[in-house]
Protein backbone atom coordinates (compact mmCIF):
# COMPACT_ATOMS: atom_id res chain seq x y z
CA MET A 1 85.53 46.98 9.72
CA ASP A 2 88.14 48.91 8.12
CA GLU A 3 88.48 48.03 4.67
CA GLY A 4 91.99 47.56 4.72
CA ASP A 5 91.36 44.41 7.27
CA THR A 6 91.98 41.32 5.51
CA THR A 7 89.82 38.85 7.64
CA ARG A 8 89.36 35.91 5.71
CA VAL A 9 85.55 35.43 4.68
CA HIS A 10 85.15 31.80 4.99
CA ARG A 11 83.24 30.82 8.03
CA GLY A 12 83.67 26.99 7.77
CA ASP A 13 80.92 24.42 7.24
CA GLY A 14 77.50 23.82 8.43
CA PRO A 15 76.24 20.72 10.17
CA ASP A 16 76.18 18.73 7.14
CA GLY A 17 79.76 19.87 5.70
CA ARG A 18 78.67 22.48 3.58
CA PRO A 19 77.83 26.52 3.90
CA ASP A 20 74.56 27.36 4.69
CA VAL A 21 75.19 30.66 2.08
CA SER A 22 77.34 31.03 -0.96
CA PHE A 23 77.95 34.53 -1.77
CA VAL A 24 78.53 35.36 -5.53
CA ILE A 25 80.26 38.12 -6.65
CA PRO A 26 81.13 38.92 -10.42
CA ALA A 27 83.89 41.35 -10.64
CA ARG A 28 85.75 42.75 -13.73
CA ASN A 29 88.66 45.21 -12.58
CA GLU A 30 86.92 45.81 -9.46
CA ALA A 31 90.15 46.46 -7.34
CA ASP A 32 88.94 49.96 -6.31
CA TYR A 33 85.70 48.22 -4.75
CA LEU A 34 86.13 44.63 -4.27
CA ARG A 35 87.83 45.31 -0.65
CA GLY A 36 84.61 46.97 0.88
CA ALA A 37 82.58 44.14 -0.48
CA LEU A 38 84.57 41.67 1.03
CA ALA A 39 85.40 43.38 4.47
CA SER A 40 81.74 43.85 4.85
CA ILE A 41 81.13 40.09 4.31
CA ALA A 42 83.99 39.16 6.76
CA GLY A 43 81.92 41.63 9.29
CA LEU A 44 78.95 39.79 9.07
CA ASP A 45 77.29 38.94 12.54
CA THR A 46 75.92 35.87 11.90
CA GLU A 47 75.69 32.15 12.69
CA TYR A 48 75.28 30.99 9.28
CA ALA A 49 78.30 28.97 7.70
CA ILE A 50 79.16 31.06 4.48
CA GLU A 51 81.36 30.74 1.54
CA VAL A 52 82.28 33.53 -0.80
CA ILE A 53 83.26 33.07 -4.70
CA VAL A 54 84.65 35.93 -6.95
CA VAL A 55 84.21 35.33 -10.26
CA ASP A 56 86.78 37.22 -12.38
CA GLY A 57 85.75 38.92 -15.88
CA ASP A 58 89.38 38.80 -17.28
CA SER A 59 90.52 41.55 -14.87
CA SER A 60 93.64 43.31 -15.81
CA ASP A 61 93.97 44.88 -12.36
CA THR A 62 94.47 43.28 -8.75
CA THR A 63 90.82 41.73 -8.28
CA PRO A 64 91.77 38.42 -8.44
CA ALA A 65 94.75 38.81 -5.89
CA ILE A 66 92.51 41.12 -3.43
CA ALA A 67 89.75 38.26 -3.64
CA ARG A 68 92.38 35.80 -2.29
CA GLU A 69 93.59 37.79 0.22
CA TYR A 70 90.18 37.71 1.94
CA GLY A 71 90.12 33.80 1.21
CA ALA A 72 87.57 33.84 -1.51
CA THR A 73 87.36 31.07 -4.05
CA VAL A 74 88.27 32.75 -7.57
CA LEU A 75 86.98 31.76 -10.65
CA ASP A 76 87.88 32.74 -14.05
CA GLU A 77 84.68 33.58 -16.48
CA GLY A 78 86.76 35.37 -19.30
CA GLY A 79 84.55 38.39 -19.31
CA ARG A 80 81.51 37.04 -21.41
CA SER A 81 78.68 38.60 -19.47
CA ILE A 82 77.77 39.00 -15.69
CA ALA A 83 74.91 36.62 -16.28
CA ALA A 84 77.50 33.77 -17.23
CA ALA A 85 79.52 35.11 -14.22
CA ARG A 86 76.87 34.72 -11.53
CA ASN A 87 75.73 31.15 -13.20
CA LEU A 88 79.50 29.97 -13.02
CA GLY A 89 79.51 31.03 -9.62
CA ALA A 90 76.21 29.38 -8.72
CA ALA A 91 77.35 26.03 -10.24
CA ARG A 92 80.56 25.78 -8.18
CA ALA A 93 78.68 27.00 -4.91
CA ASP A 94 77.82 24.44 -2.33
CA GLY A 95 75.49 26.52 -0.08
CA GLU A 96 71.86 25.85 0.23
CA TRP A 97 71.06 29.78 -0.21
CA LEU A 98 72.94 31.91 -2.97
CA SER A 99 73.57 35.50 -2.27
CA PHE A 100 74.47 37.56 -5.40
CA VAL A 101 75.92 40.96 -4.65
CA ASP A 102 78.29 43.06 -6.67
CA ALA A 103 81.81 44.30 -6.01
CA ASP A 104 80.53 47.56 -4.96
CA THR A 105 78.09 46.44 -2.64
CA LYS A 106 78.61 46.82 1.14
CA LEU A 107 76.53 44.73 3.67
CA ARG A 108 75.41 45.74 7.08
CA ALA A 109 76.38 43.22 9.68
CA ASN A 110 73.00 41.91 10.28
CA TYR A 111 72.45 41.35 6.48
CA LEU A 112 72.10 37.46 6.42
CA THR A 113 70.61 37.03 9.68
CA GLU A 114 67.76 39.58 8.69
CA LEU A 115 67.25 38.67 5.04
CA VAL A 116 67.49 34.74 5.25
CA GLY A 117 65.63 34.90 8.41
CA TYR A 118 62.67 36.91 6.67
CA LEU A 119 62.58 34.98 3.54
CA GLU A 120 62.38 31.51 5.90
CA VAL A 121 59.90 32.70 8.22
CA ASN A 122 57.47 34.41 5.16
CA GLY A 123 58.07 30.90 3.07
CA LEU A 124 59.87 32.98 0.13
CA ALA A 125 62.40 31.45 -2.30
CA ALA A 126 64.13 34.46 -3.01
CA GLY A 127 64.31 37.81 -2.05
CA SER A 128 66.14 41.53 -1.62
CA SER A 129 65.97 43.81 1.23
CA TYR A 130 65.71 47.56 0.69
CA CYS A 131 69.13 49.51 -0.05
CA ARG A 132 71.04 52.73 0.55
CA ILE A 133 72.88 53.83 -2.79
CA THR A 134 75.68 56.28 -2.33
CA GLY A 135 76.90 58.93 -4.70
CA PRO A 136 75.30 62.41 -5.96
CA ARG A 137 71.90 63.21 -4.75
CA ARG A 138 70.16 62.03 -7.57
CA ALA A 139 71.02 58.64 -6.54
CA LYS A 140 68.53 59.17 -4.11
CA LEU A 141 65.65 58.77 -7.01
CA MET A 142 67.10 55.45 -7.67
CA GLU A 143 67.29 54.13 -4.32
CA ALA A 144 63.66 55.14 -3.81
CA THR A 145 62.55 53.40 -7.13
CA ILE A 146 64.03 50.12 -6.07
CA ASN A 147 62.89 50.58 -2.36
CA HIS A 148 59.23 51.66 -3.29
CA ALA A 149 58.57 50.65 -6.69
CA PHE A 150 60.59 47.37 -7.83
CA SER A 151 59.67 46.01 -4.28
CA HIS A 152 55.79 46.58 -4.76
CA LEU A 153 55.44 44.81 -7.99
CA GLU A 154 53.51 41.74 -8.41
CA ARG A 155 56.76 40.05 -9.18
CA PRO A 156 59.30 42.39 -7.40
CA ILE A 157 62.53 42.87 -9.33
CA LEU A 158 65.39 41.91 -7.00
CA PRO A 159 68.53 43.82 -7.94
CA GLY A 160 71.81 41.51 -8.77
CA PHE A 161 73.72 43.60 -6.58
CA ASN A 162 71.60 42.51 -3.38
CA CYS A 163 69.42 39.09 -4.07
CA VAL A 164 69.48 35.81 -1.91
CA VAL A 165 67.58 32.79 -3.74
CA HIS A 166 67.26 29.16 -2.38
CA ARG A 167 69.18 26.80 -4.53
CA ARG A 168 66.62 24.66 -5.44
CA ALA A 169 64.68 27.63 -7.07
CA PHE A 170 67.71 28.90 -8.60
CA ASP A 171 68.42 25.39 -10.47
CA ASP A 172 64.68 25.03 -11.34
CA VAL A 173 64.79 28.31 -13.43
CA GLY A 174 67.86 27.80 -15.05
CA GLY A 175 69.96 30.52 -13.47
CA PHE A 176 70.08 34.26 -14.91
CA PRO A 177 69.25 34.59 -18.49
CA GLU A 178 71.88 35.74 -21.23
CA VAL A 179 69.84 39.03 -21.77
CA PRO A 180 70.51 42.71 -21.28
CA ASN A 181 68.90 43.66 -17.79
CA GLU A 182 69.28 39.92 -16.45
CA ASP A 183 68.59 40.24 -13.02
CA THR A 184 65.14 41.59 -13.89
CA ALA A 185 64.63 38.99 -16.54
CA PHE A 186 65.93 36.68 -13.77
CA SER A 187 63.17 38.11 -11.35
CA ARG A 188 60.31 37.50 -13.78
CA LEU A 189 61.25 34.02 -14.01
CA LEU A 190 61.50 33.18 -10.37
CA GLY A 191 58.17 35.11 -9.65
CA ARG A 192 56.18 33.10 -12.20
CA ARG A 193 57.10 29.93 -10.25
CA TYR A 194 57.95 30.94 -6.64
CA PRO A 195 57.34 33.45 -4.07
CA THR A 196 59.58 36.52 -3.60
CA GLY A 197 59.65 39.78 -1.93
CA TYR A 198 61.31 42.36 -0.25
CA CYS A 199 62.59 42.46 3.49
CA PRO A 200 61.64 46.41 4.62
CA ALA A 201 64.83 47.19 6.57
CA VAL A 202 67.89 48.88 4.74
CA LEU A 203 70.50 45.95 4.65
CA ALA A 204 72.93 46.92 1.86
CA GLU A 205 74.42 49.96 0.67
CA SER A 206 75.51 50.30 -2.98
CA SER A 207 77.66 52.81 -5.40
CA GLY A 208 76.05 55.42 -7.15
CA ARG A 209 79.04 55.27 -9.87
CA ARG A 210 76.79 54.20 -12.69
CA ILE A 211 74.55 57.27 -12.11
CA ALA A 212 77.55 59.55 -11.75
CA ASP A 213 79.03 58.25 -14.86
CA CYS A 214 75.79 58.05 -16.99
CA GLY A 215 73.39 60.66 -14.88
CA LEU A 216 69.99 59.72 -13.50
CA THR A 217 67.84 59.43 -16.79
CA GLY A 218 70.99 57.39 -18.45
CA THR A 219 70.93 54.75 -15.56
CA LEU A 220 67.11 54.36 -15.24
CA TRP A 221 66.99 53.84 -19.01
CA HIS A 222 69.76 51.22 -18.81
CA TYR A 223 67.82 49.20 -16.14
CA LEU A 224 64.45 49.60 -17.72
CA ARG A 225 64.61 50.34 -21.56
CA LEU A 226 64.31 46.58 -22.33
CA ASP A 227 61.96 45.56 -19.73
CA VAL A 228 58.80 47.81 -20.27
CA GLY A 229 56.70 44.87 -21.47
CA ARG A 230 57.45 42.83 -18.50
CA LEU A 231 57.07 45.76 -16.12
CA ARG A 232 53.71 46.71 -17.52
CA ALA A 233 52.63 43.13 -16.90
CA ASP A 234 52.97 43.40 -13.28
CA TYR A 235 51.02 46.57 -12.94
């Protein structure tokens, strides 16, 4: 689908009058990327009823306007933190499943059908899929780390840009903690109480812009520096 196509992403309600899946996208000054994420959701090949919630973190660009063009619900979070944005979106969501993606994430057309189906068949409360990271060549090392290291931990790390979790499990653990590396901390909480895992298919694509800005070493450090103890506990 062309990123300029503003096909509305709301697919109506499920049999009980509610969506099956709620997408939650935190976004702050993401006008350069958000269209791609929303276009990919609009282009999903799925029978699931979906809704899309964009949680705006006090953007000074056209992020909220772009979200509304695609029919997304826009919530104002104020820019406190990405954990607060995700939790606010989840609190307003009506879906049985919550799908957390970032504004620079693009989903393959079979994303929902494959990933939610994989979770249901395997009795998992939450999961991610393999991903592709675009950008500089060194982004491939980060991609390999997510696909082949994070996914094989006893309690897999579910990246915040590509994570689906059942509403009941999300509420039970209290959502994303207000800590650095909130998605890793969230994964640990989930993994202690529920089975989680990875669908071994490449279903999502994310921008390597952080790697371009910080370099590979800086990016890995950003994600892992405050989680060494938690990671060691899984090996």
